[in-house]
Structure formats: structure tokens, C-alpha cells
């Protein structure tokens, strides 16, 4: 998630593939945190800005893109950084700014304003595939590391394209007409079997079966327009958490019925975009706000919520 106007110089917040860590890019470098419990694991000082950080689970590879007022690299370049050796292992140069990057152990996926590129992940990346998209200013793209399923905006507004980028893949691209308006977010569950989407209106979240492309659930966040900044499934894919630029965290049950229900909602102290995921403990959600705060929210069987932890995570050190 891109961060604008943060007083601490924060430029980007993103989760790794299994939600065990989150990474931040700021005006001087990269910070890696354990998600639950929260702890700073690493600080890499580049003395210049990093506008996008993509982890590969908890291994030593990071995909980095320059950003901020004094970028480390040009924003058209993706640098794969090897943390143990403290040096780049490969680079990709594009003709337009990089908006997001996704990694799996053998692939690099790069999104620009109207293209999604798939490269090999090695010392000399080779372009394998290129797909056109509708105008995609947020760089929306999702990659399932277990099934190699790739999801990104289609060429038509509100449409999602699904395709396997596995080396031996024979399947054709599938299209889901998810919304009539522009997409604001799309998220795959960890198994790659379900896709959650929302439009720029932000009142509904729709969940689709990625094999049949059929609508499974339609969840109502609210009636007023909002920008949904984060949607995450839990490991069992029977719960979904949602945050937006309002103060409300929503948690929904995906119980297999035709109409899903809201388990609970929690009012946060900051009405700012944030990233969310489920915690290690049962009935907990982690919220990482663009204000620089970390929250751990717990709920009980009655749907009552409690703020269990709150930290200014940018002040944590890795000692």
C-alpha cells in the first residue's frame, strides 16, 4: 500500500505472502517487522527513498523500487536485493514507472499503469509474458505462490483476469466481470481458490470462486463511499477482514451460506488507509496504519472488540 503525507517519511507498507511479516519503505530505506508479535527484524539504510518493498516469505530476497523525494533508484527499475550479501542480484528496467511487484520462488511479476509483466527470477531475468490491463493506478496484481495463479485488472473496467503462470500451465485466461466501476482492490486467499474484489465505490466486497468464476459472497461494508485499502482472508478462508479510509475495521464470516454475515466491526482511532491481516491468536486481527501505528484487535463470541495492543511501529528498533 502506497503511503502519502506521513510525517515519519513512511512511503509504503506491505505484508509478505503468509502474513508473518510486514515491510515498510521510507525516505531512507527499508524496515522489516515480524507481524505477531510485532518486532522490528531489520533496517536497511540506503540513505534514499524506497517506494515499494516486496518480500519473498521470510527469505533474504527483497524486490525494491525507488520512491519518495530522493529515490534510491529510478522508479522505472525493479531491484532484487539479497540481504545477506547486501547487494543487488538482478534488476529489471521498464519504460514506465513500476507501481507494484510480486514474487514467487521462480517468477517476478511487475505492474505498471496498463501492463503486467512476468519475468523469470534469476540473475538475468527473462520476460515470459505480458498482459494489457485497464488503467491501473494502484498497480493491482495478486500472485498465489502455491498455485501460480495470477490475478489482475482486465482490459475492461471492473473486470478481473485470471491466468496460471506455472511453467507447464495449459489453461486459458479466465475473466470475471466483478464490478461496473474501476477496481480498488483485489486479493487471493492463500490457496488461490477464492478472489475478493471491491470497486472504487467501496460499499461492497465480492468473493468469487477462481475455478468457476462464480460469485460466492457479496459483503456489505457500508452505504457511504469509502476507499477500501486492505482485504485479507484468514488461513482457513472462513473469515475476511477489511479496512478502509474510514475508522472502521470489518470482520466477516464466510460460512458457506449464500449470504455471509458480519462477525463484528471495530472503530479505530485513525481514519487513514491501513493494511490488515489475521493474527496468530484466534479471534485477532492486526492493523498496520499509514499513520505509523500498529494495532492488535481481539473480539469475543459476543462480537465485542478490544484493542489489545497499540504501538508506534516506526519507533521500534531491531535490538
C-alpha atoms as a PDB file:
ATOM      1  CA  UNK A   1       0.000   0.000   0.000  1.00  0.00           C
ATOM      2  CA  UNK A   2       1.387   3.371  -1.024  1.00  0.00           C
ATOM      3  CA  UNK A   3       1.514   5.925   1.809  1.00  0.00           C
ATOM      4  CA  UNK A   4       1.157   9.664   1.213  1.00  0.00           C
ATOM      5  CA  UNK A   5       1.893  12.543   3.567  1.00  0.00           C
ATOM      6  CA  UNK A   6       3.305  10.588   6.516  1.00  0.00           C
ATOM      7  CA  UNK A   7       5.318  12.773   8.906  1.00  0.00           C
ATOM      8  CA  UNK A   8       7.767   9.935   9.648  1.00  0.00           C
ATOM      9  CA  UNK A   9       8.708   9.616   5.973  1.00  0.00           C
ATOM     10  CA  UNK A  10       6.784   6.358   5.524  1.00  0.00           C
ATOM     11  CA  UNK A  11       6.188   5.609   1.825  1.00  0.00           C
ATOM     12  CA  UNK A  12       4.951   2.013   1.653  1.00  0.00           C
ATOM     13  CA  UNK A  13       3.506  -0.791   3.820  1.00  0.00           C
ATOM     14  CA  UNK A  14       3.043  -4.374   2.623  1.00  0.00           C
ATOM     15  CA  UNK A  15       2.614  -7.882   4.017  1.00  0.00           C
ATOM     16  CA  UNK A  16       4.613 -10.923   2.950  1.00  0.00           C
ATOM     17  CA  UNK A  17       2.879 -13.943   1.400  1.00  0.00           C
ATOM     18  CA  UNK A  18       1.934 -15.742   4.625  1.00  0.00           C
ATOM     19  CA  UNK A  19       1.296 -12.549   6.656  1.00  0.00           C
ATOM     20  CA  UNK A  20       4.050 -13.416   9.131  1.00  0.00           C
ATOM     21  CA  UNK A  21       5.942 -10.172   8.370  1.00  0.00           C
ATOM     22  CA  UNK A  22       5.321  -6.709   7.052  1.00  0.00           C
ATOM     23  CA  UNK A  23       7.756  -4.467   5.202  1.00  0.00           C
ATOM     24  CA  UNK A  24       7.974  -0.691   5.076  1.00  0.00           C
ATOM     25  CA  UNK A  25       9.727   1.581   2.640  1.00  0.00           C
ATOM     26  CA  UNK A  26      10.546   5.096   3.785  1.00  0.00           C
ATOM     27  CA  UNK A  27      12.641   8.104   2.826  1.00  0.00           C
ATOM     28  CA  UNK A  28      15.892   6.440   3.965  1.00  0.00           C
ATOM     29  CA  UNK A  29      15.455   2.700   3.344  1.00  0.00           C
ATOM     30  CA  UNK A  30      13.634  -0.490   4.297  1.00  0.00           C
ATOM     31  CA  UNK A  31      12.307  -1.839   7.598  1.00  0.00           C
ATOM     32  CA  UNK A  32      11.129  -5.422   8.106  1.00  0.00           C
ATOM     33  CA  UNK A  33       8.886  -6.319  11.051  1.00  0.00           C
ATOM     34  CA  UNK A  34       7.568  -9.549  12.494  1.00  0.00           C
ATOM     35  CA  UNK A  35       3.800  -9.221  12.388  1.00  0.00           C
ATOM     36  CA  UNK A  36       2.588 -11.042  15.500  1.00  0.00           C
ATOM     37  CA  UNK A  37       4.137 -10.375  17.934  1.00  0.00           C
ATOM     38  CA  UNK A  38       5.339  -7.108  16.464  1.00  0.00           C
ATOM     39  CA  UNK A  39       9.110  -6.670  16.400  1.00  0.00           C
ATOM     40  CA  UNK A  40      11.498  -4.902  14.042  1.00  0.00           C
ATOM     41  CA  UNK A  41      13.690  -7.557  12.448  1.00  0.00           C
ATOM     42  CA  UNK A  42      15.791  -5.496  10.088  1.00  0.00           C
ATOM     43  CA  UNK A  43      16.612  -1.968   8.997  1.00  0.00           C
ATOM     44  CA  UNK A  44      18.456  -1.443   5.718  1.00  0.00           C
ATOM     45  CA  UNK A  45      19.659   2.137   5.366  1.00  0.00           C
ATOM     46  CA  UNK A  46      20.034   3.268   1.753  1.00  0.00           C
ATOM     47  CA  UNK A  47      20.038   6.994   2.639  1.00  0.00           C
ATOM     48  CA  UNK A  48      17.461   7.351  -0.161  1.00  0.00           C
ATOM     49  CA  UNK A  49      13.783   6.578  -0.555  1.00  0.00           C
ATOM     50  CA  UNK A  50      12.179   3.163  -1.180  1.00  0.00           C
ATOM     51  CA  UNK A  51       8.638   3.385  -2.533  1.00  0.00           C
ATOM     52  CA  UNK A  52       7.830  -0.332  -2.809  1.00  0.00           C
ATOM     53  CA  UNK A  53       9.055  -3.428  -0.938  1.00  0.00           C
ATOM     54  CA  UNK A  54       8.034  -6.979  -1.805  1.00  0.00           C
ATOM     55  CA  UNK A  55       9.216  -9.837   0.416  1.00  0.00           C
ATOM     56  CA  UNK A  56       9.564 -13.495  -0.551  1.00  0.00           C
ATOM     57  CA  UNK A  57       8.134 -15.111   2.570  1.00  0.00           C
ATOM     58  CA  UNK A  58      10.930 -14.692   5.178  1.00  0.00           C
ATOM     59  CA  UNK A  59      13.903 -15.353   2.912  1.00  0.00           C
ATOM     60  CA  UNK A  60      16.675 -12.895   2.100  1.00  0.00           C
ATOM     61  CA  UNK A  61      15.307 -11.639  -1.230  1.00  0.00           C
ATOM     62  CA  UNK A  62      13.511  -8.277  -1.429  1.00  0.00           C
ATOM     63  CA  UNK A  63      12.133  -6.644  -4.572  1.00  0.00           C
ATOM     64  CA  UNK A  64      12.660  -2.889  -4.233  1.00  0.00           C
ATOM     65  CA  UNK A  65      11.534   0.172  -6.196  1.00  0.00           C
ATOM     66  CA  UNK A  66      12.768   3.684  -5.515  1.00  0.00           C
ATOM     67  CA  UNK A  67      10.385   6.335  -4.245  1.00  0.00           C
ATOM     68  CA  UNK A  68       9.931   9.493  -2.222  1.00  0.00           C
ATOM     69  CA  UNK A  69      11.633  12.849  -2.600  1.00  0.00           C
ATOM     70  CA  UNK A  70      15.071  11.312  -3.255  1.00  0.00           C
ATOM     71  CA  UNK A  71      14.623   7.795  -4.700  1.00  0.00           C
ATOM     72  CA  UNK A  72      17.309   5.145  -4.260  1.00  0.00           C
ATOM     73  CA  UNK A  73      16.748   4.067  -7.863  1.00  0.00           C
ATOM     74  CA  UNK A  74      14.683   5.367 -10.722  1.00  0.00           C
ATOM     75  CA  UNK A  75      11.008   4.431 -10.344  1.00  0.00           C
ATOM     76  CA  UNK A  76      11.136   2.510 -13.651  1.00  0.00           C
ATOM     77  CA  UNK A  77      13.582  -0.037 -12.164  1.00  0.00           C
ATOM     78  CA  UNK A  78      12.982  -3.131 -10.020  1.00  0.00           C
ATOM     79  CA  UNK A  79      15.987  -4.232  -7.964  1.00  0.00           C
ATOM     80  CA  UNK A  80      16.044  -7.659  -6.315  1.00  0.00           C
ATOM     81  CA  UNK A  81      18.175  -7.202  -3.206  1.00  0.00           C
ATOM     82  CA  UNK A  82      19.933 -10.064  -1.433  1.00  0.00           C
ATOM     83  CA  UNK A  83      20.030  -9.085   2.214  1.00  0.00           C
ATOM     84  CA  UNK A  84      22.722 -11.486   3.406  1.00  0.00           C
ATOM     85  CA  UNK A  85      25.190 -10.362   0.722  1.00  0.00           C
ATOM     86  CA  UNK A  86      23.981  -6.752   0.952  1.00  0.00           C
ATOM     87  CA  UNK A  87      23.875  -6.278  -2.815  1.00  0.00           C
ATOM     88  CA  UNK A  88      21.516  -6.493  -5.815  1.00  0.00           C
ATOM     89  CA  UNK A  89      21.295  -9.886  -7.500  1.00  0.00           C
ATOM     90  CA  UNK A  90      19.276  -8.759 -10.524  1.00  0.00           C
ATOM     91  CA  UNK A  91      17.489  -5.742 -11.971  1.00  0.00           C
ATOM     92  CA  UNK A  92      14.657  -5.108 -14.401  1.00  0.00           C
ATOM     93  CA  UNK A  93      14.343  -1.831 -16.279  1.00  0.00           C
ATOM     94  CA  UNK A  94      10.978  -0.790 -17.712  1.00  0.00           C
ATOM     95  CA  UNK A  95       9.860   2.124 -19.873  1.00  0.00           C
ATOM     96  CA  UNK A  96       7.248   3.415 -17.401  1.00  0.00           C
ATOM     97  CA  UNK A  97       7.048   3.707 -13.582  1.00  0.00           C
ATOM     98  CA  UNK A  98       6.690   0.489 -11.606  1.00  0.00           C
ATOM     99  CA  UNK A  99       3.561   0.540  -9.445  1.00  0.00           C
ATOM    100  CA  UNK A 100       3.857  -2.850  -7.730  1.00  0.00           C
ATOM    101  CA  UNK A 101       5.851  -6.084  -7.707  1.00  0.00           C
ATOM    102  CA  UNK A 102       5.004  -9.652  -6.681  1.00  0.00           C
ATOM    103  CA  UNK A 103       7.443 -12.517  -6.110  1.00  0.00           C
ATOM    104  CA  UNK A 104       7.423 -16.291  -6.044  1.00  0.00           C
ATOM    105  CA  UNK A 105      10.468 -18.506  -5.992  1.00  0.00           C
ATOM    106  CA  UNK A 106      10.863 -18.591  -9.775  1.00  0.00           C
ATOM    107  CA  UNK A 107       8.915 -15.543 -11.001  1.00  0.00           C
ATOM    108  CA  UNK A 108       8.848 -11.744 -10.754  1.00  0.00           C
ATOM    109  CA  UNK A 109       5.567 -10.015 -11.624  1.00  0.00           C
ATOM    110  CA  UNK A 110       5.632  -6.270 -12.296  1.00  0.00           C
ATOM    111  CA  UNK A 111       2.614  -3.979 -12.729  1.00  0.00           C
ATOM    112  CA  UNK A 112       2.710  -0.626 -14.496  1.00  0.00           C
ATOM    113  CA  UNK A 113      -0.170   1.695 -15.372  1.00  0.00           C
ATOM    114  CA  UNK A 114      -1.583  -0.501 -18.166  1.00  0.00           C
ATOM    115  CA  UNK A 115       0.626  -3.605 -18.291  1.00  0.00           C
ATOM    116  CA  UNK A 116       1.512  -6.636 -16.180  1.00  0.00           C
ATOM    117  CA  UNK A 117       4.858  -8.326 -16.932  1.00  0.00           C
ATOM    118  CA  UNK A 118       6.038 -11.785 -15.854  1.00  0.00           C
ATOM    119  CA  UNK A 119       9.796 -12.488 -15.662  1.00  0.00           C
ATOM    120  CA  UNK A 120      11.971 -15.354 -14.502  1.00  0.00           C
ATOM    121  CA  UNK A 121      13.555 -14.801 -11.095  1.00  0.00           C
ATOM    122  CA  UNK A 122      17.263 -15.376 -11.682  1.00  0.00           C
ATOM    123  CA  UNK A 123      20.441 -13.387 -12.242  1.00  0.00           C
ATOM    124  CA  UNK A 124      19.332 -12.459 -15.777  1.00  0.00           C
ATOM    125  CA  UNK A 125      15.527 -12.114 -15.700  1.00  0.00           C
ATOM    126  CA  UNK A 126      13.802 -13.105 -18.942  1.00  0.00           C
ATOM    127  CA  UNK A 127      10.430 -11.652 -19.952  1.00  0.00           C
ATOM    128  CA  UNK A 128       7.991 -14.558 -20.287  1.00  0.00           C
ATOM    129  CA  UNK A 129       4.556 -12.938 -20.510  1.00  0.00           C
ATOM    130  CA  UNK A 130       2.983  -9.508 -20.892  1.00  0.00           C
ATOM    131  CA  UNK A 131      -0.688  -8.678 -20.343  1.00  0.00           C
ATOM    132  CA  UNK A 132      -2.603  -5.475 -21.033  1.00  0.00           C
ATOM    133  CA  UNK A 133      -4.894  -4.079 -18.338  1.00  0.00           C
ATOM    134  CA  UNK A 134      -7.346  -1.251 -17.919  1.00  0.00           C
ATOM    135  CA  UNK A 135      -5.856   1.877 -16.347  1.00  0.00           C
ATOM    136  CA  UNK A 136      -4.449   0.571 -13.063  1.00  0.00           C
ATOM    137  CA  UNK A 137      -3.043   3.471 -10.993  1.00  0.00           C
ATOM    138  CA  UNK A 138      -2.763   1.357  -7.822  1.00  0.00           C
ATOM    139  CA  UNK A 139      -0.808  -1.365  -9.629  1.00  0.00           C
ATOM    140  CA  UNK A 140      -3.325  -4.022  -8.594  1.00  0.00           C
ATOM    141  CA  UNK A 141      -1.954  -7.544  -9.116  1.00  0.00           C
ATOM    142  CA  UNK A 142      -2.054 -10.700  -6.987  1.00  0.00           C
ATOM    143  CA  UNK A 143       0.059 -13.851  -7.265  1.00  0.00           C
ATOM    144  CA  UNK A 144      -0.696 -17.114  -5.452  1.00  0.00           C
ATOM    145  CA  UNK A 145       2.628 -18.758  -4.610  1.00  0.00           C
ATOM    146  CA  UNK A 146       1.107 -22.239  -4.183  1.00  0.00           C
ATOM    147  CA  UNK A 147      -0.828 -22.473  -7.467  1.00  0.00           C
ATOM    148  CA  UNK A 148       0.937 -19.786  -9.576  1.00  0.00           C
ATOM    149  CA  UNK A 149      -2.455 -18.170 -10.218  1.00  0.00           C
ATOM    150  CA  UNK A 150      -2.118 -14.552 -11.313  1.00  0.00           C
ATOM    151  CA  UNK A 151      -4.983 -12.045 -10.903  1.00  0.00           C
ATOM    152  CA  UNK A 152      -5.006  -8.521 -12.335  1.00  0.00           C
ATOM    153  CA  UNK A 153      -7.449  -5.994 -13.827  1.00  0.00           C
ATOM    154  CA  UNK A 154      -8.763  -6.927 -17.260  1.00  0.00           C
ATOM    155  CA  UNK A 155      -8.845  -4.601 -20.233  1.00  0.00           C
ATOM    156  CA  UNK A 156     -12.458  -3.682 -19.455  1.00  0.00           C
ATOM    157  CA  UNK A 157     -13.292  -1.561 -16.414  1.00  0.00           C
ATOM    158  CA  UNK A 158     -14.226  -3.621 -13.333  1.00  0.00           C
ATOM    159  CA  UNK A 159     -13.074  -6.883 -14.905  1.00  0.00           C
ATOM    160  CA  UNK A 160     -10.525  -9.287 -13.362  1.00  0.00           C
ATOM    161  CA  UNK A 161      -8.264 -11.534 -15.439  1.00  0.00           C
ATOM    162  CA  UNK A 162      -7.106 -14.881 -14.013  1.00  0.00           C
ATOM    163  CA  UNK A 163      -4.290 -16.938 -15.546  1.00  0.00           C
ATOM    164  CA  UNK A 164      -1.802 -19.548 -14.362  1.00  0.00           C
ATOM    165  CA  UNK A 165       1.849 -18.624 -14.883  1.00  0.00           C
ATOM    166  CA  UNK A 166       3.188 -22.051 -13.895  1.00  0.00           C
ATOM    167  CA  UNK A 167       5.863 -23.352 -16.248  1.00  0.00           C
ATOM    168  CA  UNK A 168       3.673 -26.216 -17.509  1.00  0.00           C
ATOM    169  CA  UNK A 169       0.370 -24.300 -17.453  1.00  0.00           C
ATOM    170  CA  UNK A 170      -2.059 -25.131 -20.265  1.00  0.00           C
ATOM    171  CA  UNK A 171      -5.108 -23.253 -19.004  1.00  0.00           C
ATOM    172  CA  UNK A 172      -6.558 -20.263 -20.813  1.00  0.00           C
ATOM    173  CA  UNK A 173      -7.222 -16.890 -19.250  1.00  0.00           C
ATOM    174  CA  UNK A 174     -10.496 -16.580 -17.345  1.00  0.00           C
ATOM    175  CA  UNK A 175     -12.422 -13.327 -16.940  1.00  0.00           C
ATOM    176  CA  UNK A 176     -14.620 -12.234 -14.034  1.00  0.00           C
ATOM    177  CA  UNK A 177     -16.907  -9.189 -14.520  1.00  0.00           C
ATOM    178  CA  UNK A 178     -16.549  -8.242 -10.865  1.00  0.00           C
ATOM    179  CA  UNK A 179     -17.831  -4.630 -10.812  1.00  0.00           C
ATOM    180  CA  UNK A 180     -19.187  -1.940 -13.096  1.00  0.00           C
ATOM    181  CA  UNK A 181     -16.790   0.700 -11.732  1.00  0.00           C
ATOM    182  CA  UNK A 182     -12.978   0.689 -11.546  1.00  0.00           C
ATOM    183  CA  UNK A 183     -11.373  -1.857  -9.247  1.00  0.00           C
ATOM    184  CA  UNK A 184      -9.966  -0.554  -5.953  1.00  0.00           C
ATOM    185  CA  UNK A 185      -8.575  -3.817  -4.606  1.00  0.00           C
ATOM    186  CA  UNK A 186      -8.245  -7.498  -5.380  1.00  0.00           C
ATOM    187  CA  UNK A 187      -6.971 -10.249  -3.066  1.00  0.00           C
ATOM    188  CA  UNK A 188      -6.476 -14.012  -3.395  1.00  0.00           C
ATOM    189  CA  UNK A 189      -6.687 -16.392  -0.482  1.00  0.00           C
ATOM    190  CA  UNK A 190      -3.526 -18.376   0.289  1.00  0.00           C
ATOM    191  CA  UNK A 191      -4.826 -21.448  -1.557  1.00  0.00           C
ATOM    192  CA  UNK A 192      -5.675 -19.457  -4.686  1.00  0.00           C
ATOM    193  CA  UNK A 193      -9.246 -20.763  -4.696  1.00  0.00           C
ATOM    194  CA  UNK A 194     -11.046 -17.520  -3.810  1.00  0.00           C
ATOM    195  CA  UNK A 195     -10.762 -13.943  -5.037  1.00  0.00           C
ATOM    196  CA  UNK A 196     -12.030 -10.891  -3.137  1.00  0.00           C
ATOM    197  CA  UNK A 197     -12.652  -7.630  -5.006  1.00  0.00           C
ATOM    198  CA  UNK A 198     -14.033  -4.156  -4.392  1.00  0.00           C
ATOM    199  CA  UNK A 199     -14.654  -1.184  -6.650  1.00  0.00           C
ATOM    200  CA  UNK A 200     -13.769   2.447  -6.050  1.00  0.00           C
ATOM    201  CA  UNK A 201     -17.230   2.928  -4.526  1.00  0.00           C
ATOM    202  CA  UNK A 202     -16.187   0.733  -1.585  1.00  0.00           C
ATOM    203  CA  UNK A 203     -19.622  -0.316  -0.349  1.00  0.00           C
ATOM    204  CA  UNK A 204     -19.477  -3.981  -1.414  1.00  0.00           C
ATOM    205  CA  UNK A 205     -16.834  -6.702  -1.334  1.00  0.00           C
ATOM    206  CA  UNK A 206     -17.441  -9.596  -3.705  1.00  0.00           C
ATOM    207  CA  UNK A 207     -15.836 -13.025  -3.413  1.00  0.00           C
ATOM    208  CA  UNK A 208     -15.518 -15.351  -6.402  1.00  0.00           C
ATOM    209  CA  UNK A 209     -14.517 -18.951  -6.991  1.00  0.00           C
ATOM    210  CA  UNK A 210     -11.334 -18.751  -9.101  1.00  0.00           C
ATOM    211  CA  UNK A 211     -12.067 -22.020 -10.935  1.00  0.00           C
ATOM    212  CA  UNK A 212     -15.699 -21.462 -11.899  1.00  0.00           C
ATOM    213  CA  UNK A 213     -15.584 -17.623 -11.725  1.00  0.00           C
ATOM    214  CA  UNK A 214     -18.942 -17.765  -9.923  1.00  0.00           C
ATOM    215  CA  UNK A 215     -19.901 -15.266  -7.220  1.00  0.00           C
ATOM    216  CA  UNK A 216     -19.752 -16.906  -3.777  1.00  0.00           C
ATOM    217  CA  UNK A 217     -20.434 -13.983  -1.423  1.00  0.00           C
ATOM    218  CA  UNK A 218     -21.423 -10.353  -1.564  1.00  0.00           C
ATOM    219  CA  UNK A 219     -20.483  -8.497   1.620  1.00  0.00           C
ATOM    220  CA  UNK A 220     -21.719  -5.027   2.505  1.00  0.00           C
ATOM    221  CA  UNK A 221     -19.128  -2.801   4.176  1.00  0.00           C
ATOM    222  CA  UNK A 222     -21.497   0.163   4.409  1.00  0.00           C
ATOM    223  CA  UNK A 223     -23.658   2.538   2.410  1.00  0.00           C
ATOM    224  CA  UNK A 224     -21.301   5.530   2.224  1.00  0.00           C
ATOM    225  CA  UNK A 225     -18.495   5.653  -0.296  1.00  0.00           C
ATOM    226  CA  UNK A 226     -15.053   4.676   1.025  1.00  0.00           C
ATOM    227  CA  UNK A 227     -11.678   3.652  -0.334  1.00  0.00           C
ATOM    228  CA  UNK A 228     -11.023   0.056   0.728  1.00  0.00           C
ATOM    229  CA  UNK A 229      -7.303  -0.166   1.408  1.00  0.00           C
ATOM    230  CA  UNK A 230      -6.937  -3.792   2.516  1.00  0.00           C
ATOM    231  CA  UNK A 231      -8.811  -7.103   2.394  1.00  0.00           C
ATOM    232  CA  UNK A 232      -7.402 -10.350   3.828  1.00  0.00           C
ATOM    233  CA  UNK A 233      -8.576 -13.949   4.258  1.00  0.00           C
ATOM    234  CA  UNK A 234      -7.578 -15.999   7.278  1.00  0.00           C
ATOM    235  CA  UNK A 235      -5.679 -19.263   6.727  1.00  0.00           C
ATOM    236  CA  UNK A 236      -8.874 -21.362   6.612  1.00  0.00           C
ATOM    237  CA  UNK A 237     -10.597 -18.862   4.288  1.00  0.00           C
ATOM    238  CA  UNK A 238     -13.664 -18.788   6.520  1.00  0.00           C
ATOM    239  CA  UNK A 239     -13.106 -15.220   7.748  1.00  0.00           C
ATOM    240  CA  UNK A 240     -12.364 -11.963   5.942  1.00  0.00           C
ATOM    241  CA  UNK A 241     -11.119  -8.669   7.392  1.00  0.00           C
ATOM    242  CA  UNK A 242     -11.499  -5.305   5.658  1.00  0.00           C
ATOM    243  CA  UNK A 243     -10.080  -1.842   6.320  1.00  0.00           C
ATOM    244  CA  UNK A 244     -10.655   1.426   4.501  1.00  0.00           C
ATOM    245  CA  UNK A 245     -10.012   5.151   4.836  1.00  0.00           C
ATOM    246  CA  UNK A 246     -12.802   5.289   7.408  1.00  0.00           C
ATOM    247  CA  UNK A 247     -12.174   4.388  11.057  1.00  0.00           C
ATOM    248  CA  UNK A 248     -13.928   1.016  10.819  1.00  0.00           C
ATOM    249  CA  UNK A 249     -12.393  -2.470  10.694  1.00  0.00           C
ATOM    250  CA  UNK A 250     -14.923  -5.047   9.456  1.00  0.00           C
ATOM    251  CA  UNK A 251     -14.692  -8.820  10.034  1.00  0.00           C
ATOM    252  CA  UNK A 252     -16.952 -11.137   8.031  1.00  0.00           C
ATOM    253  CA  UNK A 253     -17.722 -14.833   8.351  1.00  0.00           C
ATOM    254  CA  UNK A 254     -17.535 -16.928   5.175  1.00  0.00           C
ATOM    255  CA  UNK A 255     -19.545 -19.856   6.448  1.00  0.00           C
ATOM    256  CA  UNK A 256     -20.587 -21.472   3.178  1.00  0.00           C
ATOM    257  CA  UNK A 257     -24.067 -19.998   3.183  1.00  0.00           C
ATOM    258  CA  UNK A 258     -25.374 -17.888   0.313  1.00  0.00           C
ATOM    259  CA  UNK A 259     -25.286 -14.753   2.447  1.00  0.00           C
ATOM    260  CA  UNK A 260     -22.250 -14.198   4.611  1.00  0.00           C
ATOM    261  CA  UNK A 261     -22.587 -12.285   7.835  1.00  0.00           C
ATOM    262  CA  UNK A 262     -20.612  -9.647   9.653  1.00  0.00           C
ATOM    263  CA  UNK A 263     -18.953 -11.083  12.761  1.00  0.00           C
ATOM    264  CA  UNK A 264     -18.053  -7.713  14.204  1.00  0.00           C
ATOM    265  CA  UNK A 265     -16.592  -4.305  13.497  1.00  0.00           C
ATOM    266  CA  UNK A 266     -14.178  -2.127  15.417  1.00  0.00           C
ATOM    267  CA  UNK A 267     -13.674   1.621  15.381  1.00  0.00           C
ATOM    268  CA  UNK A 268     -10.015   2.545  15.005  1.00  0.00           C
ATOM    269  CA  UNK A 269      -8.516   5.761  16.323  1.00  0.00           C
ATOM    270  CA  UNK A 270      -7.211   6.841  12.904  1.00  0.00           C
ATOM    271  CA  UNK A 271      -9.353   7.316   9.770  1.00  0.00           C
ATOM    272  CA  UNK A 272      -6.453   6.546   7.434  1.00  0.00           C
ATOM    273  CA  UNK A 273      -5.686   3.782   4.907  1.00  0.00           C
ATOM    274  CA  UNK A 274      -4.197   0.681   6.522  1.00  0.00           C
ATOM    275  CA  UNK A 275      -3.158  -2.905   5.889  1.00  0.00           C
ATOM    276  CA  UNK A 276      -4.857  -5.720   7.795  1.00  0.00           C
ATOM    277  CA  UNK A 277      -4.440  -9.457   8.352  1.00  0.00           C
ATOM    278  CA  UNK A 278      -5.422 -12.066  10.917  1.00  0.00           C
ATOM    279  CA  UNK A 279      -3.181 -12.602  13.936  1.00  0.00           C
ATOM    280  CA  UNK A 280      -1.653 -15.820  15.225  1.00  0.00           C
ATOM    281  CA  UNK A 281      -4.135 -15.957  18.107  1.00  0.00           C
ATOM    282  CA  UNK A 282      -7.714 -16.975  17.468  1.00  0.00           C
ATOM    283  CA  UNK A 283     -10.130 -14.049  17.033  1.00  0.00           C
ATOM    284  CA  UNK A 284      -7.431 -11.427  16.464  1.00  0.00           C
ATOM    285  CA  UNK A 285      -6.711  -9.041  13.602  1.00  0.00           C
ATOM    286  CA  UNK A 286      -3.581  -6.979  13.018  1.00  0.00           C
ATOM    287  CA  UNK A 287      -3.971  -3.475  11.544  1.00  0.00           C
ATOM    288  CA  UNK A 288      -0.933  -1.549  10.289  1.00  0.00           C
ATOM    289  CA  UNK A 289      -1.916   2.054   9.688  1.00  0.00           C
ATOM    290  CA  UNK A 290      -0.372   4.579   7.295  1.00  0.00           C
ATOM    291  CA  UNK A 291      -0.161   6.832  10.373  1.00  0.00           C
ATOM    292  CA  UNK A 292       2.674   4.579  11.580  1.00  0.00           C
ATOM    293  CA  UNK A 293       0.638   2.759  14.249  1.00  0.00           C
ATOM    294  CA  UNK A 294       0.264  -0.991  14.787  1.00  0.00           C
ATOM    295  CA  UNK A 295      -2.949  -2.301  16.337  1.00  0.00           C
ATOM    296  CA  UNK A 296      -3.939  -5.767  17.530  1.00  0.00           C
ATOM    297  CA  UNK A 297      -7.702  -6.138  17.831  1.00  0.00           C
ATOM    298  CA  UNK A 298      -9.410  -9.051  19.575  1.00  0.00           C
ATOM    299  CA  UNK A 299     -13.087  -9.994  19.548  1.00  0.00           C
ATOM    300  CA  UNK A 300     -15.118 -12.421  21.643  1.00  0.00           C
ATOM    301  CA  UNK A 301     -18.046 -14.733  20.847  1.00  0.00           C
ATOM    302  CA  UNK A 302     -20.481 -11.881  21.500  1.00  0.00           C
ATOM    303  CA  UNK A 303     -18.842  -9.757  18.802  1.00  0.00           C
ATOM    304  CA  UNK A 304     -17.369  -7.336  21.325  1.00  0.00           C
ATOM    305  CA  UNK A 305     -13.983  -5.951  20.294  1.00  0.00           C
ATOM    306  CA  UNK A 306     -10.977  -4.887  22.340  1.00  0.00           C
ATOM    307  CA  UNK A 307      -7.790  -3.053  21.397  1.00  0.00           C
ATOM    308  CA  UNK A 308      -5.184  -5.429  22.803  1.00  0.00           C
ATOM    309  CA  UNK A 309      -2.019  -3.699  21.556  1.00  0.00           C
ATOM    310  CA  UNK A 310      -1.033  -0.353  20.067  1.00  0.00           C
ATOM    311  CA  UNK A 311       2.493   0.681  19.030  1.00  0.00           C
ATOM    312  CA  UNK A 312       4.119   3.431  17.016  1.00  0.00           C
ATOM    313  CA  UNK A 313       5.991   0.816  14.984  1.00  0.00           C
ATOM    314  CA  UNK A 314       8.359   3.271  13.295  1.00  0.00           C
ATOM    315  CA  UNK A 315       9.903   3.906  16.737  1.00  0.00           C
ATOM    316  CA  UNK A 316      10.740   0.223  17.334  1.00  0.00           C
ATOM    317  CA  UNK A 317      14.358  -0.907  16.936  1.00  0.00           C
ATOM    318  CA  UNK A 318      15.800  -4.291  15.995  1.00  0.00           C
ATOM    319  CA  UNK A 319      17.856  -4.804  19.159  1.00  0.00           C
END
